[in-house]
Amino acid sequence: VQLQACGGGMVQAGGSLRLTCTASGSIFGINDMGWYRQAPGKQREMVALVSFAGIQQYADSVKDRFLISRDNAKIMVTLQMNRLKPEDTAVYFCIAQHLGDGFWGRGTLVTVSS
């Protein structure tokens, strides 16, 4: 499974950004897809996940601000990030769970200035 992420960049606090991630390769059997992030000096943490059936999970810190969606036909997951805060600054990683194994995409940097 290969994951190609797009989006990210720099935005002022209160602004919005959108991340997308598309899977290719051995895509049969992909269940959960979503995003983790890692801020400087911190551990990687889950941001949002969505199952093949569309069940969503969010970190408490992003609930009501971020929205994850999924297009199963395109094997694509999108993270709409609204009302961004400086503490959202991190490298964001796309993840896909495939038959029990986790596959990671290359990180994309999100920087939120105050």
C-alpha atoms as a PDB file:
ATOM      1  CA  VAL A   1       0.000   0.000   0.000  1.00  0.00           C
ATOM      2  CA  GLN A   2       1.351   3.401  -0.971  1.00  0.00           C
ATOM      3  CA  LEU A   3      -0.104   6.610   0.396  1.00  0.00           C
ATOM      4  CA  GLN A   4       0.167   9.968  -1.326  1.00  0.00           C
ATOM      5  CA  ALA A   5      -0.710  12.973   0.800  1.00  0.00           C
ATOM      6  CA  CYS A   6      -1.421  16.476  -0.420  1.00  0.00           C
ATOM      7  CA  GLY A   7      -2.182  19.733   1.309  1.00  0.00           C
ATOM      8  CA  GLY A   8      -0.719  21.361   4.347  1.00  0.00           C
ATOM      9  CA  GLY A   9       1.182  24.603   4.443  1.00  0.00           C
ATOM     10  CA  MET A  10       1.072  27.713   6.552  1.00  0.00           C
ATOM     11  CA  VAL A  11      -1.992  29.559   7.781  1.00  0.00           C
ATOM     12  CA  GLN A  12      -2.863  32.109  10.422  1.00  0.00           C
ATOM     13  CA  ALA A  13      -4.741  31.093  13.540  1.00  0.00           C
ATOM     14  CA  GLY A  14      -8.445  30.784  12.828  1.00  0.00           C
ATOM     15  CA  GLY A  15      -7.857  29.776   9.254  1.00  0.00           C
ATOM     16  CA  SER A  16      -8.517  26.514   7.425  1.00  0.00           C
ATOM     17  CA  LEU A  17      -6.524  23.917   5.553  1.00  0.00           C
ATOM     18  CA  ARG A  18      -7.392  20.664   3.826  1.00  0.00           C
ATOM     19  CA  LEU A  19      -5.322  17.504   3.668  1.00  0.00           C
ATOM     20  CA  THR A  20      -6.004  14.663   1.273  1.00  0.00           C
ATOM     21  CA  CYS A  21      -4.470  11.222   1.088  1.00  0.00           C
ATOM     22  CA  THR A  22      -4.903   8.657  -1.668  1.00  0.00           C
ATOM     23  CA  ALA A  23      -3.984   4.992  -1.417  1.00  0.00           C
ATOM     24  CA  SER A  24      -2.673   2.842  -4.238  1.00  0.00           C
ATOM     25  CA  GLY A  25      -1.192  -0.601  -4.647  1.00  0.00           C
ATOM     26  CA  SER A  26      -2.726  -3.465  -2.666  1.00  0.00           C
ATOM     27  CA  ILE A  27      -5.837  -1.523  -1.714  1.00  0.00           C
ATOM     28  CA  PHE A  28      -8.145  -4.488  -1.200  1.00  0.00           C
ATOM     29  CA  GLY A  29      -8.595  -4.980   2.529  1.00  0.00           C
ATOM     30  CA  ILE A  30      -7.970  -1.393   3.620  1.00  0.00           C
ATOM     31  CA  ASN A  31     -10.142  -0.582   6.610  1.00  0.00           C
ATOM     32  CA  ASP A  32      -9.350   2.460   8.745  1.00  0.00           C
ATOM     33  CA  MET A  33      -7.754   5.476   7.101  1.00  0.00           C
ATOM     34  CA  GLY A  34      -6.906   8.759   8.678  1.00  0.00           C
ATOM     35  CA  TRP A  35      -4.330  11.086  10.103  1.00  0.00           C
ATOM     36  CA  TYR A  36      -1.830  11.268  12.911  1.00  0.00           C
ATOM     37  CA  ARG A  37       0.397  14.210  13.741  1.00  0.00           C
ATOM     38  CA  GLN A  38       3.671  14.842  15.475  1.00  0.00           C
ATOM     39  CA  ALA A  39       4.666  18.185  16.897  1.00  0.00           C
ATOM     40  CA  PRO A  40       8.300  19.033  17.670  1.00  0.00           C
ATOM     41  CA  GLY A  41       9.422  17.254  20.823  1.00  0.00           C
ATOM     42  CA  LYS A  42       6.166  15.350  21.173  1.00  0.00           C
ATOM     43  CA  GLN A  43       4.954  11.855  20.433  1.00  0.00           C
ATOM     44  CA  ARG A  44       2.886  11.061  17.397  1.00  0.00           C
ATOM     45  CA  GLU A  45      -0.812  11.262  18.192  1.00  0.00           C
ATOM     46  CA  MET A  46      -4.023  10.269  16.481  1.00  0.00           C
ATOM     47  CA  VAL A  47      -5.945  13.162  14.966  1.00  0.00           C
ATOM     48  CA  ALA A  48      -8.839  11.521  13.133  1.00  0.00           C
ATOM     49  CA  LEU A  49      -9.696   8.140  11.688  1.00  0.00           C
ATOM     50  CA  VAL A  50     -12.554   6.880   9.531  1.00  0.00           C
ATOM     51  CA  SER A  51     -13.452   3.259   8.943  1.00  0.00           C
ATOM     52  CA  PHE A  52     -14.487   1.730   5.628  1.00  0.00           C
ATOM     53  CA  ALA A  53     -18.081   1.951   6.901  1.00  0.00           C
ATOM     54  CA  GLY A  54     -17.674   5.653   7.650  1.00  0.00           C
ATOM     55  CA  ILE A  55     -17.358   5.545  11.429  1.00  0.00           C
ATOM     56  CA  GLN A  56     -15.284   8.516  12.545  1.00  0.00           C
ATOM     57  CA  GLN A  57     -12.959   9.004  15.511  1.00  0.00           C
ATOM     58  CA  TYR A  58     -11.428  12.291  16.592  1.00  0.00           C
ATOM     59  CA  ALA A  59      -8.925  13.421  19.148  1.00  0.00           C
ATOM     60  CA  ASP A  60     -10.609  15.566  21.785  1.00  0.00           C
ATOM     61  CA  SER A  61      -8.384  18.486  20.812  1.00  0.00           C
ATOM     62  CA  VAL A  62      -9.807  18.655  17.283  1.00  0.00           C
ATOM     63  CA  LYS A  63     -13.452  17.711  17.798  1.00  0.00           C
ATOM     64  CA  ASP A  64     -15.864  20.287  16.374  1.00  0.00           C
ATOM     65  CA  ARG A  65     -13.028  21.862  14.349  1.00  0.00           C
ATOM     66  CA  PHE A  66     -11.809  19.085  12.058  1.00  0.00           C
ATOM     67  CA  LEU A  67     -13.877  16.900   9.762  1.00  0.00           C
ATOM     68  CA  ILE A  68     -12.677  13.656   8.211  1.00  0.00           C
ATOM     69  CA  SER A  69     -14.335  12.161   5.167  1.00  0.00           C
ATOM     70  CA  ARG A  70     -13.642   9.267   2.871  1.00  0.00           C
ATOM     71  CA  ASP A  71     -14.263   8.287  -0.721  1.00  0.00           C
ATOM     72  CA  ASN A  72     -14.036   4.505  -0.931  1.00  0.00           C
ATOM     73  CA  ALA A  73     -14.242   4.490  -4.721  1.00  0.00           C
ATOM     74  CA  LYS A  74     -11.130   6.678  -4.933  1.00  0.00           C
ATOM     75  CA  ILE A  75      -9.513   5.167  -1.807  1.00  0.00           C
ATOM     76  CA  MET A  76      -9.077   8.712  -0.587  1.00  0.00           C
ATOM     77  CA  VAL A  77      -9.428  10.349   2.799  1.00  0.00           C
ATOM     78  CA  THR A  78      -9.770  14.080   3.384  1.00  0.00           C
ATOM     79  CA  LEU A  79      -9.194  16.054   6.566  1.00  0.00           C
ATOM     80  CA  GLN A  80     -10.820  19.490   6.610  1.00  0.00           C
ATOM     81  CA  MET A  81      -9.195  21.523   9.358  1.00  0.00           C
ATOM     82  CA  ASN A  82     -11.064  24.626  10.505  1.00  0.00           C
ATOM     83  CA  ARG A  83     -10.419  27.213  13.218  1.00  0.00           C
ATOM     84  CA  LEU A  84      -6.807  26.184  13.325  1.00  0.00           C
ATOM     85  CA  LYS A  85      -4.762  26.986  16.394  1.00  0.00           C
ATOM     86  CA  PRO A  86      -0.992  27.368  16.832  1.00  0.00           C
ATOM     87  CA  GLU A  87      -1.007  24.134  18.810  1.00  0.00           C
ATOM     88  CA  ASP A  88      -2.169  22.323  15.669  1.00  0.00           C
ATOM     89  CA  THR A  89       1.270  22.962  14.192  1.00  0.00           C
ATOM     90  CA  ALA A  90       2.802  19.578  13.412  1.00  0.00           C
ATOM     91  CA  VAL A  91       3.794  17.165  10.715  1.00  0.00           C
ATOM     92  CA  TYR A  92       0.667  15.293   9.681  1.00  0.00           C
ATOM     93  CA  PHE A  93       0.895  11.680   8.563  1.00  0.00           C
ATOM     94  CA  CYS A  94      -1.688   9.730   6.615  1.00  0.00           C
ATOM     95  CA  ILE A  95      -2.275   6.164   7.761  1.00  0.00           C
ATOM     96  CA  ALA A  96      -4.122   3.191   6.280  1.00  0.00           C
ATOM     97  CA  GLN A  97      -4.854  -0.026   8.121  1.00  0.00           C
ATOM     98  CA  HIS A  98      -4.542  -2.939   5.718  1.00  0.00           C
ATOM     99  CA  LEU A  99      -5.271  -6.469   6.905  1.00  0.00           C
ATOM    100  CA  GLY A 100      -3.965  -5.638  10.370  1.00  0.00           C
ATOM    101  CA  ASP A 101      -0.873  -3.744   9.275  1.00  0.00           C
ATOM    102  CA  GLY A 102      -0.490   0.014   9.369  1.00  0.00           C
ATOM    103  CA  PHE A 103       0.946   1.854   6.385  1.00  0.00           C
ATOM    104  CA  TRP A 104       2.161   5.422   6.641  1.00  0.00           C
ATOM    105  CA  GLY A 105       2.453   8.162   4.110  1.00  0.00           C
ATOM    106  CA  ARG A 106       5.173  10.781   4.086  1.00  0.00           C
ATOM    107  CA  GLY A 107       4.391  13.595   6.460  1.00  0.00           C
ATOM    108  CA  THR A 108       3.123  16.973   5.415  1.00  0.00           C
ATOM    109  CA  LEU A 109       3.848  20.047   7.504  1.00  0.00           C
ATOM    110  CA  VAL A 110       1.063  22.221   8.858  1.00  0.00           C
ATOM    111  CA  THR A 111       2.140  25.493  10.454  1.00  0.00           C
ATOM    112  CA  VAL A 112      -0.346  27.747  12.226  1.00  0.00           C
ATOM    113  CA  SER A 113       0.924  31.189  13.146  1.00  0.00           C
ATOM    114  CA  SER A 114      -0.555  33.251  15.953  1.00  0.00           C
END
